[in-house]
N, C-alpha and C. Protein backbone atom coordinates (compact mmCIF):
# COMPACT_ATOMS: atom_id res chain seq x y z
N MET A 1 0.84 -1.18 0.00
CA MET A 1 0.00 0.00 0.00
C MET A 1 0.89 1.24 0.00
N ALA A 2 0.54 2.22 -0.80
CA ALA A 2 1.34 3.44 -0.93
C ALA A 2 1.15 4.33 0.29
N CYS A 3 2.16 5.09 0.59
CA CYS A 3 2.11 6.01 1.72
C CYS A 3 1.30 7.25 1.35
N GLY A 4 0.29 7.59 2.13
CA GLY A 4 -0.52 8.77 1.87
C GLY A 4 0.18 10.05 2.30
N LEU A 5 0.98 9.99 3.35
CA LEU A 5 1.73 11.14 3.84
C LEU A 5 3.13 10.65 4.13
N CYS A 6 4.10 11.04 3.31
CA CYS A 6 5.47 10.55 3.44
C CYS A 6 6.42 11.71 3.72
N PHE A 7 7.34 11.50 4.63
CA PHE A 7 8.41 12.46 4.89
C PHE A 7 9.68 11.82 4.38
N ARG A 8 10.31 12.48 3.42
CA ARG A 8 11.43 11.88 2.73
C ARG A 8 12.58 12.87 2.65
N HIS A 9 13.78 12.44 2.97
CA HIS A 9 14.96 13.28 2.80
C HIS A 9 15.48 13.03 1.40
N PRO A 10 15.72 14.10 0.59
CA PRO A 10 16.09 13.93 -0.81
C PRO A 10 17.49 13.38 -1.05
N GLY A 11 18.34 13.35 -0.06
CA GLY A 11 19.69 12.85 -0.29
C GLY A 11 20.61 13.22 0.86
N PRO A 12 21.92 13.14 0.63
CA PRO A 12 22.88 13.35 1.70
C PRO A 12 23.07 14.81 2.10
N VAL A 13 22.42 15.74 1.41
CA VAL A 13 22.58 17.16 1.73
C VAL A 13 21.88 17.46 3.04
N GLY A 14 22.50 18.27 3.91
CA GLY A 14 21.90 18.62 5.19
C GLY A 14 20.63 19.44 5.01
N PRO A 15 19.72 19.36 5.98
CA PRO A 15 18.45 20.07 5.86
C PRO A 15 18.62 21.58 6.00
N ASP A 16 17.73 22.34 5.35
CA ASP A 16 17.69 23.78 5.53
C ASP A 16 17.07 24.05 6.88
N LEU A 17 17.57 25.06 7.57
CA LEU A 17 17.03 25.37 8.89
C LEU A 17 16.61 26.83 8.96
N LEU A 18 15.53 27.09 9.66
CA LEU A 18 15.05 28.44 9.92
C LEU A 18 14.62 28.49 11.36
N GLY A 19 15.38 29.18 12.20
CA GLY A 19 15.04 29.25 13.62
C GLY A 19 14.97 27.88 14.26
N GLY A 20 15.81 26.95 13.83
CA GLY A 20 15.82 25.61 14.39
C GLY A 20 14.81 24.67 13.77
N LEU A 21 13.94 25.14 12.86
CA LEU A 21 12.96 24.28 12.21
C LEU A 21 13.54 23.73 10.91
N MET A 22 13.32 22.46 10.64
CA MET A 22 13.73 21.90 9.37
C MET A 22 12.68 22.30 8.34
N LEU A 23 13.11 22.95 7.27
CA LEU A 23 12.19 23.36 6.22
C LEU A 23 11.93 22.19 5.29
N VAL A 24 10.72 22.14 4.77
CA VAL A 24 10.34 21.05 3.87
C VAL A 24 9.70 21.61 2.61
N THR A 25 9.70 20.81 1.57
CA THR A 25 9.03 21.14 0.32
C THR A 25 7.81 20.24 0.21
N LEU A 26 6.69 20.84 -0.15
CA LEU A 26 5.44 20.12 -0.30
C LEU A 26 5.22 19.76 -1.76
N SER A 27 4.92 18.51 -2.01
CA SER A 27 4.48 18.05 -3.33
C SER A 27 3.21 17.24 -3.13
N MET A 28 2.28 17.42 -4.05
CA MET A 28 1.01 16.71 -3.98
C MET A 28 0.78 16.00 -5.30
N ILE A 29 0.24 14.79 -5.25
CA ILE A 29 -0.05 14.05 -6.45
C ILE A 29 -1.57 13.98 -6.62
N PHE A 30 -2.01 14.37 -7.81
CA PHE A 30 -3.43 14.37 -8.16
C PHE A 30 -3.63 13.43 -9.32
N CYS A 31 -4.70 12.62 -9.25
CA CYS A 31 -5.03 11.70 -10.33
C CYS A 31 -6.45 11.96 -10.81
N LEU A 32 -6.67 11.68 -12.08
CA LEU A 32 -8.01 11.83 -12.64
C LEU A 32 -8.96 10.85 -11.95
N VAL A 33 -10.14 11.34 -11.60
CA VAL A 33 -11.14 10.48 -10.99
C VAL A 33 -11.56 9.40 -11.98
N SER A 34 -11.70 9.76 -13.25
CA SER A 34 -12.15 8.81 -14.28
C SER A 34 -11.07 7.82 -14.70
N ASP A 35 -9.80 8.14 -14.45
CA ASP A 35 -8.69 7.26 -14.82
C ASP A 35 -7.55 7.46 -13.83
N PRO A 36 -7.56 6.74 -12.71
CA PRO A 36 -6.57 6.94 -11.65
C PRO A 36 -5.12 6.67 -12.05
N THR A 37 -4.91 6.14 -13.27
CA THR A 37 -3.53 5.93 -13.72
C THR A 37 -2.94 7.21 -14.32
N GLN A 38 -3.77 8.21 -14.56
CA GLN A 38 -3.33 9.49 -15.12
C GLN A 38 -3.16 10.49 -13.98
N CYS A 39 -1.92 10.72 -13.58
CA CYS A 39 -1.63 11.55 -12.41
C CYS A 39 -0.63 12.64 -12.76
N GLN A 40 -0.62 13.65 -11.92
CA GLN A 40 0.39 14.69 -12.04
C GLN A 40 0.81 15.18 -10.66
N THR A 41 2.06 15.61 -10.58
CA THR A 41 2.60 16.12 -9.32
C THR A 41 2.58 17.64 -9.35
N VAL A 42 2.09 18.23 -8.26
CA VAL A 42 2.02 19.68 -8.14
C VAL A 42 2.84 20.06 -6.91
N THR A 43 3.75 21.01 -7.08
CA THR A 43 4.56 21.53 -5.98
C THR A 43 4.31 23.03 -5.88
N PRO A 44 3.40 23.43 -4.98
CA PRO A 44 3.05 24.84 -4.91
C PRO A 44 4.19 25.70 -4.36
N LEU A 45 4.24 26.94 -4.84
CA LEU A 45 5.21 27.89 -4.30
C LEU A 45 4.63 28.45 -3.00
N ILE A 46 5.35 28.25 -1.92
CA ILE A 46 4.92 28.75 -0.62
C ILE A 46 5.75 30.01 -0.33
N PRO A 47 5.09 31.11 0.04
CA PRO A 47 5.83 32.36 0.30
C PRO A 47 6.90 32.18 1.38
N ASP A 48 8.01 32.89 1.22
CA ASP A 48 9.12 32.80 2.17
C ASP A 48 8.71 33.20 3.58
N ASP A 49 7.70 34.06 3.71
CA ASP A 49 7.30 34.47 5.05
C ASP A 49 6.35 33.46 5.71
N GLN A 50 6.06 32.34 5.02
CA GLN A 50 5.23 31.27 5.56
C GLN A 50 5.94 29.93 5.35
N PRO A 51 7.13 29.76 5.94
CA PRO A 51 7.91 28.55 5.67
C PRO A 51 7.19 27.28 6.15
N LEU A 52 7.38 26.21 5.39
CA LEU A 52 6.81 24.93 5.78
C LEU A 52 7.79 24.19 6.67
N SER A 53 7.25 23.54 7.67
CA SER A 53 8.03 22.65 8.53
C SER A 53 7.34 21.30 8.54
N VAL A 54 7.95 20.32 9.13
CA VAL A 54 7.35 18.99 9.20
C VAL A 54 6.00 19.07 9.91
N SER A 55 5.90 19.92 10.91
CA SER A 55 4.67 19.98 11.70
C SER A 55 3.50 20.64 10.98
N ASN A 56 3.73 21.53 10.02
CA ASN A 56 2.61 22.19 9.35
C ASN A 56 2.45 21.81 7.88
N CYS A 57 3.28 20.92 7.38
CA CYS A 57 3.23 20.54 5.96
C CYS A 57 1.91 19.85 5.60
N SER A 58 1.45 18.92 6.41
CA SER A 58 0.23 18.18 6.06
C SER A 58 -1.00 19.08 6.12
N ILE A 59 -1.01 20.05 7.04
CA ILE A 59 -2.12 21.00 7.11
C ILE A 59 -2.13 21.89 5.87
N THR A 60 -0.96 22.39 5.50
CA THR A 60 -0.84 23.22 4.30
C THR A 60 -1.23 22.42 3.06
N ALA A 61 -0.89 21.13 3.03
CA ALA A 61 -1.25 20.28 1.89
C ALA A 61 -2.77 20.18 1.75
N GLN A 62 -3.48 20.09 2.85
CA GLN A 62 -4.94 20.02 2.78
C GLN A 62 -5.51 21.31 2.19
N ILE A 63 -4.98 22.44 2.63
CA ILE A 63 -5.46 23.73 2.15
C ILE A 63 -5.13 23.91 0.67
N GLU A 64 -3.85 23.71 0.31
CA GLU A 64 -3.43 23.89 -1.08
C GLU A 64 -4.08 22.86 -2.00
N GLY A 65 -4.23 21.63 -1.51
CA GLY A 65 -4.87 20.58 -2.30
C GLY A 65 -6.33 20.89 -2.59
N ALA A 66 -7.04 21.43 -1.59
CA ALA A 66 -8.44 21.81 -1.80
C ALA A 66 -8.56 22.92 -2.83
N LYS A 67 -7.64 23.88 -2.80
CA LYS A 67 -7.64 24.96 -3.80
C LYS A 67 -7.44 24.38 -5.20
N TRP A 68 -6.47 23.46 -5.32
CA TRP A 68 -6.13 22.90 -6.63
C TRP A 68 -7.30 22.08 -7.17
N VAL A 69 -7.90 21.25 -6.33
CA VAL A 69 -9.03 20.41 -6.76
C VAL A 69 -10.23 21.28 -7.14
N ASN A 70 -10.41 22.39 -6.44
CA ASN A 70 -11.49 23.32 -6.77
C ASN A 70 -11.32 23.87 -8.19
N GLU A 71 -10.07 24.09 -8.60
CA GLU A 71 -9.77 24.59 -9.94
C GLU A 71 -9.70 23.46 -10.98
N HIS A 72 -9.55 22.22 -10.53
CA HIS A 72 -9.41 21.06 -11.42
C HIS A 72 -10.32 19.94 -10.89
N PRO A 73 -11.64 20.10 -11.05
CA PRO A 73 -12.58 19.16 -10.42
C PRO A 73 -12.54 17.73 -10.96
N ALA A 74 -11.89 17.49 -12.06
CA ALA A 74 -11.79 16.12 -12.58
C ALA A 74 -10.73 15.30 -11.85
N TYR A 75 -9.98 15.93 -10.95
CA TYR A 75 -8.88 15.27 -10.23
C TYR A 75 -9.21 15.10 -8.75
N GLN A 76 -8.51 14.15 -8.14
CA GLN A 76 -8.55 14.02 -6.69
C GLN A 76 -7.11 13.89 -6.18
N MET A 77 -6.86 14.39 -4.98
CA MET A 77 -5.53 14.29 -4.40
C MET A 77 -5.34 12.87 -3.88
N THR A 78 -4.24 12.23 -4.28
CA THR A 78 -4.01 10.85 -3.89
C THR A 78 -2.80 10.68 -2.97
N ARG A 79 -1.91 11.67 -2.94
CA ARG A 79 -0.71 11.54 -2.11
C ARG A 79 -0.15 12.90 -1.76
N ILE A 80 0.41 12.98 -0.56
CA ILE A 80 1.09 14.17 -0.08
C ILE A 80 2.53 13.77 0.21
N LEU A 81 3.48 14.56 -0.27
CA LEU A 81 4.89 14.33 0.03
C LEU A 81 5.47 15.57 0.68
N CYS A 82 6.05 15.41 1.85
CA CYS A 82 6.75 16.49 2.53
C CYS A 82 8.22 16.08 2.57
N MET A 83 9.06 16.74 1.76
CA MET A 83 10.45 16.36 1.62
C MET A 83 11.36 17.38 2.30
N ALA A 84 12.35 16.88 3.03
CA ALA A 84 13.29 17.74 3.73
C ALA A 84 14.03 18.62 2.74
N GLY A 85 14.15 19.90 3.08
CA GLY A 85 14.86 20.84 2.24
C GLY A 85 13.90 21.77 1.52
N LYS A 86 14.33 22.99 1.33
CA LYS A 86 13.49 24.00 0.69
C LYS A 86 13.74 23.97 -0.81
N ARG A 87 12.67 24.02 -1.58
CA ARG A 87 12.76 24.01 -3.04
C ARG A 87 13.37 25.32 -3.54
N ILE A 88 14.18 25.23 -4.55
CA ILE A 88 14.76 26.41 -5.18
C ILE A 88 13.66 27.13 -5.95
N LYS A 89 13.58 28.45 -5.84
CA LYS A 89 12.50 29.22 -6.44
C LYS A 89 12.36 29.04 -7.94
N SER A 90 13.44 28.74 -8.63
CA SER A 90 13.39 28.64 -10.09
C SER A 90 12.73 27.36 -10.57
N GLN A 91 12.49 26.39 -9.67
CA GLN A 91 11.84 25.15 -10.09
C GLN A 91 10.39 25.41 -10.40
N GLY A 92 9.87 24.76 -11.41
CA GLY A 92 8.47 24.94 -11.83
C GLY A 92 7.51 24.19 -10.96
N THR A 93 6.22 24.47 -11.18
CA THR A 93 5.17 23.81 -10.40
C THR A 93 4.83 22.47 -10.98
C-alpha cells in the first residue's frame, strides 16, 4: 500500500534550517477520478514568510490541495509528500 503522507529526505545534503525548524518542500499528487492511472505532481510555491516545517506541511497540503481540486474538479488528491529541504525558487510547479 502506498504512503498517503510521506516524509522523505532527498539525499545526503543537510536540511535547511530556519530558527531551528527543518524546512520542507510540499508536493502533492493528483489523479483523474475517471482514470486513476493518469496523475500529475504539483509543488506549490509557498511564500518565504510562511515557511513549511514537518509539523505544518500536512495542514498546508490540505489547504493547497483543496484549492487545486477546486480549480481542477476532474482530479482528486491521492498523495502528499513532505520532503526535507526547501525548493529552489526557479523550479516549476
